[in-house]
Amino acid sequence: MSVRRAIEKLHSSPDAPRTFPEHSMVALLSGFTLEDGRLLPPKAEGAVVGVWADGEAYEVEFDKPFHAVVTVPAAKLRQAERRPA
């Protein structure tokens, strides 16, 4: 098994710690309600712009379905799927 595949498998485990460096593309595992009542839907993708408490939470900037910068617990995020170039 390649190192990359081993890492992907580790991160796919529901109990695996999720760590994302700044500028990583991430996606929500479930919907996320903002303080103003707007809802970011499951699978919404954004860029990590800040890492809090050694990866316990992340500041993520979303562009769709609307622009928002929110703090999201690591347990609500996964690595975004890569798209073909």
C-alpha atoms as a PDB file:
ATOM      1  CA  MET A   1       0.000   0.000   0.000  1.00  0.00           C
ATOM      2  CA  SER A   2       1.355   3.430  -0.904  1.00  0.00           C
ATOM      3  CA  VAL A   3       1.913   6.031   1.782  1.00  0.00           C
ATOM      4  CA  ARG A   4      -0.698   8.264   0.163  1.00  0.00           C
ATOM      5  CA  ARG A   5      -3.286   5.461   0.199  1.00  0.00           C
ATOM      6  CA  ALA A   6      -2.473   4.672   3.845  1.00  0.00           C
ATOM      7  CA  ILE A   7      -3.013   8.323   4.792  1.00  0.00           C
ATOM      8  CA  GLU A   8      -6.298   8.444   2.857  1.00  0.00           C
ATOM      9  CA  LYS A   9      -7.451   5.282   4.621  1.00  0.00           C
ATOM     10  CA  LEU A  10      -6.495   6.721   8.013  1.00  0.00           C
ATOM     11  CA  HIS A  11      -8.452   9.915   7.343  1.00  0.00           C
ATOM     12  CA  SER A  12     -11.475   7.985   6.089  1.00  0.00           C
ATOM     13  CA  SER A  13     -11.872   6.275   9.453  1.00  0.00           C
ATOM     14  CA  PRO A  14     -14.647   7.943  11.494  1.00  0.00           C
ATOM     15  CA  ASP A  15     -12.451   7.959  14.608  1.00  0.00           C
ATOM     16  CA  ALA A  16      -9.311   9.220  12.859  1.00  0.00           C
ATOM     17  CA  PRO A  17      -8.004  12.634  13.833  1.00  0.00           C
ATOM     18  CA  ARG A  18      -8.533  15.142  11.059  1.00  0.00           C
ATOM     19  CA  THR A  19      -5.697  17.536  10.442  1.00  0.00           C
ATOM     20  CA  PHE A  20      -5.589  19.991   7.587  1.00  0.00           C
ATOM     21  CA  PRO A  21      -2.822  22.502   6.906  1.00  0.00           C
ATOM     22  CA  GLU A  22      -3.677  26.081   5.950  1.00  0.00           C
ATOM     23  CA  HIS A  23      -4.821  26.468   2.345  1.00  0.00           C
ATOM     24  CA  SER A  24      -6.174  22.878   2.261  1.00  0.00           C
ATOM     25  CA  MET A  25      -9.495  22.387   0.520  1.00  0.00           C
ATOM     26  CA  VAL A  26     -12.026  20.786   2.855  1.00  0.00           C
ATOM     27  CA  ALA A  27     -15.709  19.833   2.697  1.00  0.00           C
ATOM     28  CA  LEU A  28     -18.423  19.696   5.324  1.00  0.00           C
ATOM     29  CA  LEU A  29     -19.545  16.246   6.438  1.00  0.00           C
ATOM     30  CA  SER A  30     -22.948  17.608   7.459  1.00  0.00           C
ATOM     31  CA  GLY A  31     -24.847  20.869   7.277  1.00  0.00           C
ATOM     32  CA  PHE A  32     -23.500  23.742   9.355  1.00  0.00           C
ATOM     33  CA  THR A  33     -25.774  26.506  10.641  1.00  0.00           C
ATOM     34  CA  LEU A  34     -24.227  29.953  10.997  1.00  0.00           C
ATOM     35  CA  GLU A  35     -25.095  32.325  13.838  1.00  0.00           C
ATOM     36  CA  ASP A  36     -27.287  34.376  11.483  1.00  0.00           C
ATOM     37  CA  GLY A  37     -29.377  31.300  10.597  1.00  0.00           C
ATOM     38  CA  ARG A  38     -27.952  30.631   7.121  1.00  0.00           C
ATOM     39  CA  LEU A  39     -27.096  27.002   6.388  1.00  0.00           C
ATOM     40  CA  LEU A  40     -23.963  25.737   4.687  1.00  0.00           C
ATOM     41  CA  PRO A  41     -25.051  22.424   3.173  1.00  0.00           C
ATOM     42  CA  PRO A  42     -23.284  19.072   3.492  1.00  0.00           C
ATOM     43  CA  LYS A  43     -20.387  18.778   1.020  1.00  0.00           C
ATOM     44  CA  ALA A  44     -19.921  22.576   0.828  1.00  0.00           C
ATOM     45  CA  GLU A  45     -16.238  23.128   0.045  1.00  0.00           C
ATOM     46  CA  GLY A  46     -13.940  25.797   1.378  1.00  0.00           C
ATOM     47  CA  ALA A  47     -10.317  26.677   2.041  1.00  0.00           C
ATOM     48  CA  VAL A  48      -8.660  26.429   5.447  1.00  0.00           C
ATOM     49  CA  VAL A  49      -7.482  29.913   6.411  1.00  0.00           C
ATOM     50  CA  GLY A  50      -6.703  29.245  10.074  1.00  0.00           C
ATOM     51  CA  VAL A  51      -5.926  26.340  12.393  1.00  0.00           C
ATOM     52  CA  TRP A  52      -7.099  26.529  16.013  1.00  0.00           C
ATOM     53  CA  ALA A  53      -6.111  24.494  19.088  1.00  0.00           C
ATOM     54  CA  ASP A  54      -3.676  22.238  17.210  1.00  0.00           C
ATOM     55  CA  GLY A  55      -6.319  21.205  14.697  1.00  0.00           C
ATOM     56  CA  GLU A  56      -9.366  20.872  16.944  1.00  0.00           C
ATOM     57  CA  ALA A  57     -11.114  23.488  14.807  1.00  0.00           C
ATOM     58  CA  TYR A  58     -10.464  25.331  11.563  1.00  0.00           C
ATOM     59  CA  GLU A  59     -11.310  28.728  10.167  1.00  0.00           C
ATOM     60  CA  VAL A  60     -12.727  27.935   6.713  1.00  0.00           C
ATOM     61  CA  GLU A  61     -13.610  30.332   3.907  1.00  0.00           C
ATOM     62  CA  PHE A  62     -16.539  29.216   1.757  1.00  0.00           C
ATOM     63  CA  ASP A  63     -17.559  30.807  -1.550  1.00  0.00           C
ATOM     64  CA  LYS A  64     -20.652  28.715  -2.365  1.00  0.00           C
ATOM     65  CA  PRO A  65     -23.557  28.754  -1.843  1.00  0.00           C
ATOM     66  CA  PHE A  66     -22.616  32.157  -0.339  1.00  0.00           C
ATOM     67  CA  HIS A  67     -19.450  33.735   1.025  1.00  0.00           C
ATOM     68  CA  ALA A  68     -18.747  32.960   4.664  1.00  0.00           C
ATOM     69  CA  VAL A  69     -15.735  32.571   6.932  1.00  0.00           C
ATOM     70  CA  VAL A  70     -16.556  30.313   9.871  1.00  0.00           C
ATOM     71  CA  THR A  71     -14.884  28.266  12.572  1.00  0.00           C
ATOM     72  CA  VAL A  72     -15.692  24.585  12.055  1.00  0.00           C
ATOM     73  CA  PRO A  73     -14.824  21.702  14.430  1.00  0.00           C
ATOM     74  CA  ALA A  74     -12.441  19.167  12.860  1.00  0.00           C
ATOM     75  CA  ALA A  75     -15.017  16.401  13.313  1.00  0.00           C
ATOM     76  CA  LYS A  76     -17.320  18.157  10.805  1.00  0.00           C
ATOM     77  CA  LEU A  77     -14.704  18.294   8.019  1.00  0.00           C
ATOM     78  CA  ARG A  78     -13.105  15.979   5.492  1.00  0.00           C
ATOM     79  CA  GLN A  79     -10.565  16.516   2.751  1.00  0.00           C
ATOM     80  CA  ALA A  80     -12.295  17.853  -0.379  1.00  0.00           C
ATOM     81  CA  GLU A  81     -12.292  15.558  -3.367  1.00  0.00           C
ATOM     82  CA  ARG A  82      -9.732  16.453  -5.971  1.00  0.00           C
ATOM     83  CA  ARG A  83     -11.076  17.529  -9.319  1.00  0.00           C
ATOM     84  CA  PRO A  84      -9.358  16.817 -12.610  1.00  0.00           C
ATOM     85  CA  ALA A  85      -7.228  19.717 -13.826  1.00  0.00           C
END
